[in-house]
């Protein structure tokens, strides 16, 4: 796993990136729906499939 930064308002990114690799990990800092899953601040989103377009199936939440 590679920690890439934070996800949410004022974070490293505000939406999941189009280009991603297995193991990319982001910490949610703004609650919301990411990768089709309702997330709370403090959740982690991990990429499970390489991709070049945003696809909910490429991510899982812990």
PDB file of N, CA and C in Angstrom:
ATOM      1  N   UNK A   1       0.844  -1.178   0.000  1.00  0.00           N
ATOM      2  CA  UNK A   1       0.000   0.000   0.000  1.00  0.00           C
ATOM      3  C   UNK A   1       0.886   1.236   0.000  1.00  0.00           C
ATOM      4  N   UNK A   2       0.409   2.238  -0.709  1.00  0.00           N
ATOM      5  CA  UNK A   2       1.131   3.512  -0.734  1.00  0.00           C
ATOM      6  C   UNK A   2       0.152   4.623  -0.364  1.00  0.00           C
ATOM      7  N   UNK A   3       0.440   5.310   0.740  1.00  0.00           N
ATOM      8  CA  UNK A   3      -0.398   6.423   1.173  1.00  0.00           C
ATOM      9  C   UNK A   3      -0.197   7.591   0.213  1.00  0.00           C
ATOM     10  N   UNK A   4      -1.295   8.029  -0.419  1.00  0.00           N
ATOM     11  CA  UNK A   4      -1.218   9.088  -1.417  1.00  0.00           C
ATOM     12  C   UNK A   4      -1.693  10.437  -0.886  1.00  0.00           C
ATOM     13  N   UNK A   5      -2.408  10.461   0.253  1.00  0.00           N
ATOM     14  CA  UNK A   5      -2.871  11.729   0.806  1.00  0.00           C
ATOM     15  C   UNK A   5      -4.281  11.631   1.341  1.00  0.00           C
ATOM     16  N   UNK A   6      -4.949  12.779   1.364  1.00  0.00           N
ATOM     17  CA  UNK A   6      -6.278  12.864   1.950  1.00  0.00           C
ATOM     18  C   UNK A   6      -7.321  13.120   0.865  1.00  0.00           C
ATOM     19  N   UNK A   7      -8.552  12.733   1.174  1.00  0.00           N
ATOM     20  CA  UNK A   7      -9.666  12.839   0.232  1.00  0.00           C
ATOM     21  C   UNK A   7     -10.781  13.641   0.874  1.00  0.00           C
ATOM     22  N   UNK A   8     -11.165  14.728   0.231  1.00  0.00           N
ATOM     23  CA  UNK A   8     -12.255  15.551   0.733  1.00  0.00           C
ATOM     24  C   UNK A   8     -11.940  17.025   0.585  1.00  0.00           C
ATOM     25  N   UNK A   9     -12.829  17.859   1.057  1.00  0.00           N
ATOM     26  CA  UNK A   9     -12.657  19.311   0.973  1.00  0.00           C
ATOM     27  C   UNK A   9     -11.362  19.714   1.661  1.00  0.00           C
ATOM     28  N   UNK A  10     -10.494  20.417   0.936  1.00  0.00           N
ATOM     29  CA  UNK A  10      -9.222  20.842   1.486  1.00  0.00           C
ATOM     30  C   UNK A  10      -8.182  19.739   1.553  1.00  0.00           C
ATOM     31  N   UNK A  11      -8.507  18.572   1.005  1.00  0.00           N
ATOM     32  CA  UNK A  11      -7.569  17.453   1.038  1.00  0.00           C
ATOM     33  C   UNK A  11      -6.608  17.474  -0.140  1.00  0.00           C
ATOM     34  N   UNK A  12      -5.769  16.480  -0.199  1.00  0.00           N
ATOM     35  CA  UNK A  12      -4.852  16.327  -1.321  1.00  0.00           C
ATOM     36  C   UNK A  12      -5.646  16.230  -2.622  1.00  0.00           C
ATOM     37  N   UNK A  13      -6.772  15.485  -2.578  1.00  0.00           N
ATOM     38  CA  UNK A  13      -7.697  15.389  -3.704  1.00  0.00           C
ATOM     39  C   UNK A  13      -9.117  15.555  -3.183  1.00  0.00           C
ATOM     40  N   UNK A  14     -10.060  15.925  -4.060  1.00  0.00           N
ATOM     41  CA  UNK A  14     -11.455  16.083  -3.643  1.00  0.00           C
ATOM     42  C   UNK A  14     -12.355  15.011  -4.246  1.00  0.00           C
ATOM     43  N   UNK A  15     -11.837  14.232  -5.184  1.00  0.00           N
ATOM     44  CA  UNK A  15     -12.567  13.113  -5.782  1.00  0.00           C
ATOM     45  C   UNK A  15     -11.545  12.045  -6.132  1.00  0.00           C
ATOM     46  N   UNK A  16     -11.984  10.807  -6.191  1.00  0.00           N
ATOM     47  CA  UNK A  16     -11.055   9.734  -6.530  1.00  0.00           C
ATOM     48  C   UNK A  16     -10.434   9.990  -7.898  1.00  0.00           C
ATOM     49  N   UNK A  17      -9.136   9.738  -8.026  1.00  0.00           N
ATOM     50  CA  UNK A  17      -8.441  10.054  -9.274  1.00  0.00           C
ATOM     51  C   UNK A  17      -8.773   9.092 -10.409  1.00  0.00           C
ATOM     52  N   UNK A  18      -8.696   9.601 -11.636  1.00  0.00           N
ATOM     53  CA  UNK A  18      -8.904   8.742 -12.804  1.00  0.00           C
ATOM     54  C   UNK A  18      -7.770   7.736 -12.933  1.00  0.00           C
ATOM     55  N   UNK A  19      -6.546   8.185 -12.821  1.00  0.00           N
ATOM     56  CA  UNK A  19      -5.380   7.311 -12.935  1.00  0.00           C
ATOM     57  C   UNK A  19      -4.999   6.814 -11.541  1.00  0.00           C
ATOM     58  N   UNK A  20      -5.021   5.479 -11.348  1.00  0.00           N
ATOM     59  CA  UNK A  20      -4.744   4.914 -10.034  1.00  0.00           C
ATOM     60  C   UNK A  20      -4.104   3.534 -10.178  1.00  0.00           C
ATOM     61  N   UNK A  21      -3.387   3.133  -9.144  1.00  0.00           N
ATOM     62  CA  UNK A  21      -2.687   1.851  -9.125  1.00  0.00           C
ATOM     63  C   UNK A  21      -3.065   1.063  -7.878  1.00  0.00           C
ATOM     64  N   UNK A  22      -3.027  -0.265  -7.995  1.00  0.00           N
ATOM     65  CA  UNK A  22      -3.310  -1.119  -6.841  1.00  0.00           C
ATOM     66  C   UNK A  22      -2.482  -0.660  -5.654  1.00  0.00           C
ATOM     67  N   UNK A  23      -3.125  -0.534  -4.518  1.00  0.00           N
ATOM     68  CA  UNK A  23      -2.424  -0.156  -3.298  1.00  0.00           C
ATOM     69  C   UNK A  23      -2.459   1.325  -2.976  1.00  0.00           C
ATOM     70  N   UNK A  24      -2.878   2.173  -3.936  1.00  0.00           N
ATOM     71  CA  UNK A  24      -3.026   3.606  -3.621  1.00  0.00           C
ATOM     72  C   UNK A  24      -4.036   3.741  -2.489  1.00  0.00           C
ATOM     73  N   UNK A  25      -3.695   4.518  -1.483  1.00  0.00           N
ATOM     74  CA  UNK A  25      -4.532   4.649  -0.291  1.00  0.00           C
ATOM     75  C   UNK A  25      -4.740   6.119   0.050  1.00  0.00           C
ATOM     76  N   UNK A  26      -5.990   6.478   0.357  1.00  0.00           N
ATOM     77  CA  UNK A  26      -6.338   7.838   0.761  1.00  0.00           C
ATOM     78  C   UNK A  26      -7.136   7.791   2.053  1.00  0.00           C
ATOM     79  N   UNK A  27      -6.902   8.760   2.928  1.00  0.00           N
ATOM     80  CA  UNK A  27      -7.682   8.894   4.161  1.00  0.00           C
ATOM     81  C   UNK A  27      -8.782   9.912   3.911  1.00  0.00           C
ATOM     82  N   UNK A  28     -10.021   9.552   4.225  1.00  0.00           N
ATOM     83  CA  UNK A  28     -11.165  10.441   4.065  1.00  0.00           C
ATOM     84  C   UNK A  28     -11.136  11.492   5.168  1.00  0.00           C
ATOM     85  N   UNK A  29     -11.184  12.788   4.777  1.00  0.00           N
ATOM     86  CA  UNK A  29     -11.239  13.857   5.784  1.00  0.00           C
ATOM     87  C   UNK A  29     -12.573  14.594   5.760  1.00  0.00           C
ATOM     88  N   UNK A  30     -13.365  14.358   4.709  1.00  0.00           N
ATOM     89  CA  UNK A  30     -14.694  14.950   4.606  1.00  0.00           C
ATOM     90  C   UNK A  30     -15.684  13.830   4.326  1.00  0.00           C
ATOM     91  N   UNK A  31     -16.630  13.613   5.231  1.00  0.00           N
ATOM     92  CA  UNK A  31     -17.620  12.555   5.041  1.00  0.00           C
ATOM     93  C   UNK A  31     -18.359  12.762   3.721  1.00  0.00           C
ATOM     94  N   UNK A  32     -18.727  11.670   3.098  1.00  0.00           N
ATOM     95  CA  UNK A  32     -19.457  11.727   1.832  1.00  0.00           C
ATOM     96  C   UNK A  32     -19.471  10.363   1.181  1.00  0.00           C
ATOM     97  N   UNK A  33     -19.935  10.321  -0.058  1.00  0.00           N
ATOM     98  CA  UNK A  33     -19.962   9.070  -0.800  1.00  0.00           C
ATOM     99  C   UNK A  33     -18.795   9.053  -1.768  1.00  0.00           C
ATOM    100  N   UNK A  34     -17.929   8.078  -1.605  1.00  0.00           N
ATOM    101  CA  UNK A  34     -16.770   7.891  -2.468  1.00  0.00           C
ATOM    102  C   UNK A  34     -16.769   6.438  -2.929  1.00  0.00           C
ATOM    103  N   UNK A  35     -16.485   6.211  -4.185  1.00  0.00           N
ATOM    104  CA  UNK A  35     -16.464   4.854  -4.740  1.00  0.00           C
ATOM    105  C   UNK A  35     -17.811   4.166  -4.515  1.00  0.00           C
ATOM    106  N   UNK A  36     -18.880   4.953  -4.482  1.00  0.00           N
ATOM    107  CA  UNK A  36     -20.218   4.407  -4.317  1.00  0.00           C
ATOM    108  C   UNK A  36     -20.544   3.953  -2.908  1.00  0.00           C
ATOM    109  N   UNK A  37     -19.679   4.279  -1.945  1.00  0.00           N
ATOM    110  CA  UNK A  37     -19.866   3.852  -0.569  1.00  0.00           C
ATOM    111  C   UNK A  37     -19.887   5.079   0.345  1.00  0.00           C
ATOM    112  N   UNK A  38     -20.848   5.123   1.266  1.00  0.00           N
ATOM    113  CA  UNK A  38     -20.918   6.228   2.221  1.00  0.00           C
ATOM    114  C   UNK A  38     -19.737   6.103   3.176  1.00  0.00           C
ATOM    115  N   UNK A  39     -18.954   7.172   3.281  1.00  0.00           N
ATOM    116  CA  UNK A  39     -17.741   7.166   4.101  1.00  0.00           C
ATOM    117  C   UNK A  39     -17.826   8.238   5.180  1.00  0.00           C
ATOM    118  N   UNK A  40     -17.133   7.975   6.276  1.00  0.00           N
ATOM    119  CA  UNK A  40     -17.004   8.935   7.360  1.00  0.00           C
ATOM    120  C   UNK A  40     -15.560   9.408   7.418  1.00  0.00           C
ATOM    121  N   UNK A  41     -15.342  10.570   8.000  1.00  0.00           N
ATOM    122  CA  UNK A  41     -13.975  11.047   8.203  1.00  0.00           C
ATOM    123  C   UNK A  41     -13.209   9.989   8.991  1.00  0.00           C
ATOM    124  N   UNK A  42     -12.011   9.678   8.536  1.00  0.00           N
ATOM    125  CA  UNK A  42     -11.185   8.673   9.182  1.00  0.00           C
ATOM    126  C   UNK A  42     -11.159   7.350   8.441  1.00  0.00           C
ATOM    127  N   UNK A  43     -12.121   7.120   7.543  1.00  0.00           N
ATOM    128  CA  UNK A  43     -12.097   5.906   6.729  1.00  0.00           C
ATOM    129  C   UNK A  43     -10.926   5.963   5.754  1.00  0.00           C
ATOM    130  N   UNK A  44     -10.491   4.806   5.300  1.00  0.00           N
ATOM    131  CA  UNK A  44      -9.458   4.724   4.284  1.00  0.00           C
ATOM    132  C   UNK A  44     -10.043   4.101   3.027  1.00  0.00           C
ATOM    133  N   UNK A  45      -9.652   4.627   1.879  1.00  0.00           N
ATOM    134  CA  UNK A  45     -10.067   4.092   0.593  1.00  0.00           C
ATOM    135  C   UNK A  45      -8.820   3.527  -0.073  1.00  0.00           C
ATOM    136  N   UNK A  46      -8.908   2.267  -0.480  1.00  0.00           N
ATOM    137  CA  UNK A  46      -7.752   1.578  -1.054  1.00  0.00           C
ATOM    138  C   UNK A  46      -8.082   1.094  -2.462  1.00  0.00           C
ATOM    139  N   UNK A  47      -7.168   1.341  -3.388  1.00  0.00           N
ATOM    140  CA  UNK A  47      -7.331   0.893  -4.764  1.00  0.00           C
ATOM    141  C   UNK A  47      -7.028  -0.602  -4.851  1.00  0.00           C
ATOM    142  N   UNK A  48      -7.943  -1.357  -5.480  1.00  0.00           N
ATOM    143  CA  UNK A  48      -7.757  -2.801  -5.623  1.00  0.00           C
ATOM    144  C   UNK A  48      -7.509  -3.220  -7.077  1.00  0.00           C
ATOM    145  N   UNK A  49      -7.653  -2.281  -8.016  1.00  0.00           N
ATOM    146  CA  UNK A  49      -7.408  -2.546  -9.435  1.00  0.00           C
ATOM    147  C   UNK A  49      -6.756  -1.333 -10.073  1.00  0.00           C
ATOM    148  N   UNK A  50      -5.794  -1.551 -10.944  1.00  0.00           N
ATOM    149  CA  UNK A  50      -5.218  -0.445 -11.717  1.00  0.00           C
ATOM    150  C   UNK A  50      -6.278   0.113 -12.651  1.00  0.00           C
ATOM    151  N   UNK A  51      -6.190   1.414 -12.959  1.00  0.00           N
ATOM    152  CA  UNK A  51      -7.156   1.998 -13.873  1.00  0.00           C
ATOM    153  C   UNK A  51      -6.734   3.351 -14.387  1.00  0.00           C
ATOM    154  N   UNK A  52      -7.408   3.774 -15.464  1.00  0.00           N
ATOM    155  CA  UNK A  52      -7.149   5.089 -16.059  1.00  0.00           C
ATOM    156  C   UNK A  52      -8.418   5.928 -16.139  1.00  0.00           C
ATOM    157  N   UNK A  53      -9.523   5.385 -15.647  1.00  0.00           N
ATOM    158  CA  UNK A  53     -10.777   6.137 -15.530  1.00  0.00           C
ATOM    159  C   UNK A  53     -11.376   5.826 -14.161  1.00  0.00           C
ATOM    160  N   UNK A  54     -12.094   6.778 -13.612  1.00  0.00           N
ATOM    161  CA  UNK A  54     -12.723   6.573 -12.308  1.00  0.00           C
ATOM    162  C   UNK A  54     -13.744   5.443 -12.407  1.00  0.00           C
ATOM    163  N   UNK A  55     -13.610   4.434 -11.557  1.00  0.00           N
ATOM    164  CA  UNK A  55     -14.544   3.307 -11.523  1.00  0.00           C
ATOM    165  C   UNK A  55     -14.695   2.852 -10.075  1.00  0.00           C
ATOM    166  N   UNK A  56     -15.923   2.855  -9.586  1.00  0.00           N
ATOM    167  CA  UNK A  56     -16.166   2.490  -8.200  1.00  0.00           C
ATOM    168  C   UNK A  56     -15.614   1.099  -7.867  1.00  0.00           C
ATOM    169  N   UNK A  57     -15.679   0.177  -8.822  1.00  0.00           N
ATOM    170  CA  UNK A  57     -15.232  -1.198  -8.580  1.00  0.00           C
ATOM    171  C   UNK A  57     -13.735  -1.299  -8.333  1.00  0.00           C
ATOM    172  N   UNK A  58     -12.983  -0.242  -8.624  1.00  0.00           N
ATOM    173  CA  UNK A  58     -11.527  -0.257  -8.433  1.00  0.00           C
ATOM    174  C   UNK A  58     -11.122   0.099  -7.009  1.00  0.00           C
ATOM    175  N   UNK A  59     -12.081   0.383  -6.136  1.00  0.00           N
ATOM    176  CA  UNK A  59     -11.776   0.863  -4.788  1.00  0.00           C
ATOM    177  C   UNK A  59     -12.558   0.087  -3.738  1.00  0.00           C
ATOM    178  N   UNK A  60     -11.969   0.009  -2.549  1.00  0.00           N
ATOM    179  CA  UNK A  60     -12.669  -0.547  -1.389  1.00  0.00           C
ATOM    180  C   UNK A  60     -12.435   0.396  -0.202  1.00  0.00           C
ATOM    181  N   UNK A  61     -13.332   0.347   0.762  1.00  0.00           N
ATOM    182  CA  UNK A  61     -13.264   1.242   1.924  1.00  0.00           C
ATOM    183  C   UNK A  61     -13.052   0.410   3.181  1.00  0.00           C
ATOM    184  N   UNK A  62     -12.134   0.882   4.038  1.00  0.00           N
ATOM    185  CA  UNK A  62     -11.965   0.250   5.350  1.00  0.00           C
ATOM    186  C   UNK A  62     -12.052   1.322   6.420  1.00  0.00           C
TER     187      UNK A  62
END
